[in-house]
Amino acid sequence: MQLKMPFLTTDEPSPVPSRVPESPSPTTWEGLDETARIAALGMLARLIARMLAAVPDKETGHE
């Protein structure tokens, strides 16, 4: 069975680009103040450290 993917079809003409570039919307990170960013980075660092500590050492027993 073959499915038709809507993003591969070209039934509609492509939109004409506007002459005035739109300003990009701010990201969630840019919306945070400095204190919230520091707290988020601390949480991320702890999560990464915990994940790395949980990974078994691949070199153990291969001497």
PDB file of N, CA and C in Angstrom:
ATOM      1  N   MET A   1       0.845  -1.167   0.000  1.00  0.00           N
ATOM      2  CA  MET A   1       0.000   0.000   0.000  1.00  0.00           C
ATOM      3  C   MET A   1       0.894   1.234   0.000  1.00  0.00           C
ATOM      4  N   GLN A   2       0.617   2.170  -0.865  1.00  0.00           N
ATOM      5  CA  GLN A   2       1.412   3.393  -0.941  1.00  0.00           C
ATOM      6  C   GLN A   2       0.599   4.541  -0.366  1.00  0.00           C
ATOM      7  N   LEU A   3       1.241   5.308   0.515  1.00  0.00           N
ATOM      8  CA  LEU A   3       0.571   6.445   1.123  1.00  0.00           C
ATOM      9  C   LEU A   3       1.068   7.728   0.465  1.00  0.00           C
ATOM     10  N   LYS A   4       0.204   8.691   0.351  1.00  0.00           N
ATOM     11  CA  LYS A   4       0.575   9.974  -0.228  1.00  0.00           C
ATOM     12  C   LYS A   4       0.883  10.933   0.914  1.00  0.00           C
ATOM     13  N   MET A   5       2.066  11.501   0.912  1.00  0.00           N
ATOM     14  CA  MET A   5       2.467  12.412   1.978  1.00  0.00           C
ATOM     15  C   MET A   5       2.186  13.848   1.536  1.00  0.00           C
ATOM     16  N   PRO A   6       1.427  14.590   2.328  1.00  0.00           N
ATOM     17  CA  PRO A   6       1.010  15.923   1.890  1.00  0.00           C
ATOM     18  C   PRO A   6       2.171  16.901   1.694  1.00  0.00           C
ATOM     19  N   PHE A   7       3.274  16.709   2.370  1.00  0.00           N
ATOM     20  CA  PHE A   7       4.374  17.652   2.200  1.00  0.00           C
ATOM     21  C   PHE A   7       5.187  17.374   0.944  1.00  0.00           C
ATOM     22  N   LEU A   8       4.933  16.252   0.278  1.00  0.00           N
ATOM     23  CA  LEU A   8       5.631  15.943  -0.960  1.00  0.00           C
ATOM     24  C   LEU A   8       4.848  16.365  -2.197  1.00  0.00           C
ATOM     25  N   THR A   9       3.573  16.678  -2.042  1.00  0.00           N
ATOM     26  CA  THR A   9       2.766  17.068  -3.187  1.00  0.00           C
ATOM     27  C   THR A   9       2.970  18.543  -3.491  1.00  0.00           C
ATOM     28  N   THR A  10       2.832  18.892  -4.750  1.00  0.00           N
ATOM     29  CA  THR A  10       3.011  20.286  -5.162  1.00  0.00           C
ATOM     30  C   THR A  10       1.763  20.784  -5.884  1.00  0.00           C
ATOM     31  N   ASP A  11       0.605  20.526  -5.302  1.00  0.00           N
ATOM     32  CA  ASP A  11      -0.650  20.955  -5.902  1.00  0.00           C
ATOM     33  C   ASP A  11      -0.819  22.467  -5.831  1.00  0.00           C
ATOM     34  N   GLU A  12      -0.319  23.072  -4.768  1.00  0.00           N
ATOM     35  CA  GLU A  12      -0.453  24.511  -4.576  1.00  0.00           C
ATOM     36  C   GLU A  12       0.818  25.212  -5.019  1.00  0.00           C
ATOM     37  N   PRO A  13       0.683  26.405  -5.572  1.00  0.00           N
ATOM     38  CA  PRO A  13       1.900  27.150  -5.897  1.00  0.00           C
ATOM     39  C   PRO A  13       2.587  27.612  -4.614  1.00  0.00           C
ATOM     40  N   SER A  14       3.890  27.728  -4.680  1.00  0.00           N
ATOM     41  CA  SER A  14       4.622  28.159  -3.491  1.00  0.00           C
ATOM     42  C   SER A  14       4.304  29.617  -3.195  1.00  0.00           C
ATOM     43  N   PRO A  15       4.263  29.989  -1.925  1.00  0.00           N
ATOM     44  CA  PRO A  15       3.921  31.368  -1.577  1.00  0.00           C
ATOM     45  C   PRO A  15       5.005  32.337  -2.054  1.00  0.00           C
ATOM     46  N   VAL A  16       4.583  33.521  -2.405  1.00  0.00           N
ATOM     47  CA  VAL A  16       5.517  34.552  -2.851  1.00  0.00           C
ATOM     48  C   VAL A  16       6.158  35.169  -1.606  1.00  0.00           C
ATOM     49  N   PRO A  17       7.487  35.228  -1.554  1.00  0.00           N
ATOM     50  CA  PRO A  17       8.118  35.810  -0.364  1.00  0.00           C
ATOM     51  C   PRO A  17       7.806  37.291  -0.252  1.00  0.00           C
ATOM     52  N   SER A  18       7.586  37.746   0.960  1.00  0.00           N
ATOM     53  CA  SER A  18       7.299  39.162   1.173  1.00  0.00           C
ATOM     54  C   SER A  18       8.594  39.959   1.126  1.00  0.00           C
ATOM     55  N   ARG A  19       8.474  41.215   0.807  1.00  0.00           N
ATOM     56  CA  ARG A  19       9.656  42.073   0.708  1.00  0.00           C
ATOM     57  C   ARG A  19      10.158  42.491   2.086  1.00  0.00           C
ATOM     58  N   VAL A  20       9.290  42.547   3.065  1.00  0.00           N
ATOM     59  CA  VAL A  20       9.680  42.948   4.417  1.00  0.00           C
ATOM     60  C   VAL A  20       9.954  41.682   5.218  1.00  0.00           C
ATOM     61  N   PRO A  21      11.198  41.485   5.671  1.00  0.00           N
ATOM     62  CA  PRO A  21      11.483  40.281   6.461  1.00  0.00           C
ATOM     63  C   PRO A  21      10.803  40.361   7.821  1.00  0.00           C
ATOM     64  N   GLU A  22      10.234  39.251   8.216  1.00  0.00           N
ATOM     65  CA  GLU A  22       9.581  39.193   9.521  1.00  0.00           C
ATOM     66  C   GLU A  22      10.637  39.018  10.595  1.00  0.00           C
ATOM     67  N   SER A  23      10.449  39.677  11.727  1.00  0.00           N
ATOM     68  CA  SER A  23      11.397  39.490  12.820  1.00  0.00           C
ATOM     69  C   SER A  23      11.119  38.143  13.466  1.00  0.00           C
ATOM     70  N   PRO A  24      12.160  37.388  13.778  1.00  0.00           N
ATOM     71  CA  PRO A  24      11.935  36.071  14.377  1.00  0.00           C
ATOM     72  C   PRO A  24      11.336  36.212  15.770  1.00  0.00           C
ATOM     73  N   SER A  25      10.472  35.279  16.102  1.00  0.00           N
ATOM     74  CA  SER A  25       9.875  35.313  17.430  1.00  0.00           C
ATOM     75  C   SER A  25      10.932  34.903  18.459  1.00  0.00           C
ATOM     76  N   PRO A  26      10.900  35.500  19.636  1.00  0.00           N
ATOM     77  CA  PRO A  26      11.909  35.157  20.644  1.00  0.00           C
ATOM     78  C   PRO A  26      11.734  33.717  21.122  1.00  0.00           C
ATOM     79  N   THR A  27      12.845  33.079  21.398  1.00  0.00           N
ATOM     80  CA  THR A  27      12.796  31.713  21.893  1.00  0.00           C
ATOM     81  C   THR A  27      12.477  31.719  23.379  1.00  0.00           C
ATOM     82  N   THR A  28      12.147  30.568  23.893  1.00  0.00           N
ATOM     83  CA  THR A  28      11.848  30.460  25.314  1.00  0.00           C
ATOM     84  C   THR A  28      13.066  30.836  26.137  1.00  0.00           C
ATOM     85  N   TRP A  29      14.248  30.423  25.673  1.00  0.00           N
ATOM     86  CA  TRP A  29      15.482  30.724  26.412  1.00  0.00           C
ATOM     87  C   TRP A  29      15.691  32.227  26.512  1.00  0.00           C
ATOM     88  N   GLU A  30      15.441  32.949  25.433  1.00  0.00           N
ATOM     89  CA  GLU A  30      15.622  34.399  25.443  1.00  0.00           C
ATOM     90  C   GLU A  30      14.607  35.083  26.343  1.00  0.00           C
ATOM     91  N   GLY A  31      13.489  34.434  26.597  1.00  0.00           N
ATOM     92  CA  GLY A  31      12.469  35.018  27.450  1.00  0.00           C
ATOM     93  C   GLY A  31      12.769  34.882  28.934  1.00  0.00           C
ATOM     94  N   LEU A  32      13.763  34.070  29.291  1.00  0.00           N
ATOM     95  CA  LEU A  32      14.102  33.872  30.698  1.00  0.00           C
ATOM     96  C   LEU A  32      15.054  34.954  31.191  1.00  0.00           C
ATOM     97  N   ASP A  33      14.898  35.325  32.445  1.00  0.00           N
ATOM     98  CA  ASP A  33      15.858  36.271  33.015  1.00  0.00           C
ATOM     99  C   ASP A  33      17.130  35.525  33.417  1.00  0.00           C
ATOM    100  N   GLU A  34      18.161  36.257  33.822  1.00  0.00           N
ATOM    101  CA  GLU A  34      19.463  35.649  34.086  1.00  0.00           C
ATOM    102  C   GLU A  34      19.404  34.630  35.219  1.00  0.00           C
ATOM    103  N   THR A  35      18.649  34.903  36.263  1.00  0.00           N
ATOM    104  CA  THR A  35      18.550  33.975  37.394  1.00  0.00           C
ATOM    105  C   THR A  35      17.918  32.658  36.963  1.00  0.00           C
ATOM    106  N   ALA A  36      16.876  32.725  36.150  1.00  0.00           N
ATOM    107  CA  ALA A  36      16.216  31.514  35.664  1.00  0.00           C
ATOM    108  C   ALA A  36      17.132  30.728  34.733  1.00  0.00           C
ATOM    109  N   ARG A  37      17.919  31.431  33.928  1.00  0.00           N
ATOM    110  CA  ARG A  37      18.861  30.747  33.040  1.00  0.00           C
ATOM    111  C   ARG A  37      19.923  29.999  33.843  1.00  0.00           C
ATOM    112  N   ILE A  38      20.448  30.634  34.883  1.00  0.00           N
ATOM    113  CA  ILE A  38      21.463  29.990  35.723  1.00  0.00           C
ATOM    114  C   ILE A  38      20.881  28.752  36.396  1.00  0.00           C
ATOM    115  N   ALA A  39      19.653  28.858  36.898  1.00  0.00           N
ATOM    116  CA  ALA A  39      19.000  27.713  37.540  1.00  0.00           C
ATOM    117  C   ALA A  39      18.781  26.581  36.536  1.00  0.00           C
ATOM    118  N   ALA A  40      18.358  26.919  35.334  1.00  0.00           N
ATOM    119  CA  ALA A  40      18.126  25.897  34.305  1.00  0.00           C
ATOM    120  C   ALA A  40      19.431  25.214  33.911  1.00  0.00           C
ATOM    121  N   LEU A  41      20.507  25.979  33.785  1.00  0.00           N
ATOM    122  CA  LEU A  41      21.801  25.387  33.442  1.00  0.00           C
ATOM    123  C   LEU A  41      22.305  24.478  34.558  1.00  0.00           C
ATOM    124  N   GLY A  42      22.067  24.861  35.804  1.00  0.00           N
ATOM    125  CA  GLY A  42      22.460  24.010  36.925  1.00  0.00           C
ATOM    126  C   GLY A  42      21.710  22.692  36.916  1.00  0.00           C
ATOM    127  N   MET A  43      20.410  22.749  36.665  1.00  0.00           N
ATOM    128  CA  MET A  43      19.610  21.526  36.608  1.00  0.00           C
ATOM    129  C   MET A  43      20.061  20.642  35.455  1.00  0.00           C
ATOM    130  N   LEU A  44      20.349  21.257  34.315  1.00  0.00           N
ATOM    131  CA  LEU A  44      20.813  20.496  33.159  1.00  0.00           C
ATOM    132  C   LEU A  44      22.163  19.849  33.434  1.00  0.00           C
ATOM    133  N   ALA A  45      23.065  20.574  34.083  1.00  0.00           N
ATOM    134  CA  ALA A  45      24.382  20.018  34.410  1.00  0.00           C
ATOM    135  C   ALA A  45      24.246  18.821  35.359  1.00  0.00           C
ATOM    136  N   ARG A  46      23.362  18.925  36.359  1.00  0.00           N
ATOM    137  CA  ARG A  46      23.155  17.796  37.282  1.00  0.00           C
ATOM    138  C   ARG A  46      22.561  16.601  36.557  1.00  0.00           C
ATOM    139  N   LEU A  47      21.626  16.840  35.651  1.00  0.00           N
ATOM    140  CA  LEU A  47      21.016  15.752  34.892  1.00  0.00           C
ATOM    141  C   LEU A  47      22.053  15.049  34.014  1.00  0.00           C
ATOM    142  N   ILE A  48      22.888  15.821  33.345  1.00  0.00           N
ATOM    143  CA  ILE A  48      23.924  15.227  32.499  1.00  0.00           C
ATOM    144  C   ILE A  48      24.907  14.433  33.340  1.00  0.00           C
ATOM    145  N   ALA A  49      25.314  14.975  34.496  1.00  0.00           N
ATOM    146  CA  ALA A  49      26.252  14.265  35.366  1.00  0.00           C
ATOM    147  C   ALA A  49      25.647  12.953  35.857  1.00  0.00           C
ATOM    148  N   ARG A  50      24.359  12.981  36.214  1.00  0.00           N
ATOM    149  CA  ARG A  50      23.688  11.767  36.676  1.00  0.00           C
ATOM    150  C   ARG A  50      23.610  10.728  35.563  1.00  0.00           C
ATOM    151  N   MET A  51      23.339  11.183  34.339  1.00  0.00           N
ATOM    152  CA  MET A  51      23.255  10.251  33.216  1.00  0.00           C
ATOM    153  C   MET A  51      24.623   9.648  32.906  1.00  0.00           C
ATOM    154  N   LEU A  52      25.671  10.456  32.971  1.00  0.00           N
ATOM    155  CA  LEU A  52      27.012   9.939  32.705  1.00  0.00           C
ATOM    156  C   LEU A  52      27.459   8.967  33.792  1.00  0.00           C
ATOM    157  N   ALA A  53      27.064   9.205  35.024  1.00  0.00           N
ATOM    158  CA  ALA A  53      27.424   8.303  36.111  1.00  0.00           C
ATOM    159  C   ALA A  53      26.699   6.970  35.982  1.00  0.00           C
ATOM    160  N   ALA A  54      25.528   6.967  35.362  1.00  0.00           N
ATOM    161  CA  ALA A  54      24.748   5.744  35.231  1.00  0.00           C
ATOM    162  C   ALA A  54      25.207   4.876  34.059  1.00  0.00           C
ATOM    163  N   VAL A  55      25.985   5.427  33.143  1.00  0.00           N
ATOM    164  CA  VAL A  55      26.462   4.672  31.985  1.00  0.00           C
ATOM    165  C   VAL A  55      27.568   3.727  32.434  1.00  0.00           C
ATOM    166  N   PRO A  56      27.438   2.436  32.167  1.00  0.00           N
ATOM    167  CA  PRO A  56      28.489   1.505  32.575  1.00  0.00           C
ATOM    168  C   PRO A  56      29.766   1.765  31.783  1.00  0.00           C
ATOM    169  N   ASP A  57      30.876   1.576  32.444  1.00  0.00           N
ATOM    170  CA  ASP A  57      32.174   1.774  31.799  1.00  0.00           C
ATOM    171  C   ASP A  57      32.408   0.671  30.777  1.00  0.00           C
ATOM    172  N   LYS A  58      32.588   1.024  29.529  1.00  0.00           N
ATOM    173  CA  LYS A  58      32.737   0.042  28.454  1.00  0.00           C
ATOM    174  C   LYS A  58      34.108  -0.628  28.477  1.00  0.00           C
ATOM    175  N   GLU A  59      35.095  -0.022  29.117  1.00  0.00           N
ATOM    176  CA  GLU A  59      36.442  -0.545  29.116  1.00  0.00           C
ATOM    177  C   GLU A  59      36.691  -1.554  30.250  1.00  0.00           C
ATOM    178  N   THR A  60      35.772  -1.680  31.187  1.00  0.00           N
ATOM    179  CA  THR A  60      35.948  -2.578  32.308  1.00  0.00           C
ATOM    180  C   THR A  60      36.019  -4.019  31.826  1.00  0.00           C
ATOM    181  N   GLY A  61      37.068  -4.720  32.243  1.00  0.00           N
ATOM    182  CA  GLY A  61      37.223  -6.126  31.916  1.00  0.00           C
ATOM    183  C   GLY A  61      37.813  -6.390  30.538  1.00  0.00           C
ATOM    184  N   HIS A  62      38.270  -5.375  29.839  1.00  0.00           N
ATOM    185  CA  HIS A  62      38.843  -5.544  28.507  1.00  0.00           C
ATOM    186  C   HIS A  62      40.320  -5.170  28.512  1.00  0.00           C
ATOM    187  N   GLU A  63      41.050  -5.670  29.487  1.00  0.00           N
ATOM    188  CA  GLU A  63      42.462  -5.292  29.573  1.00  0.00           C
ATOM    189  C   GLU A  63      43.343  -6.184  28.754  1.00  0.00           C
TER     190      GLU A  63
END
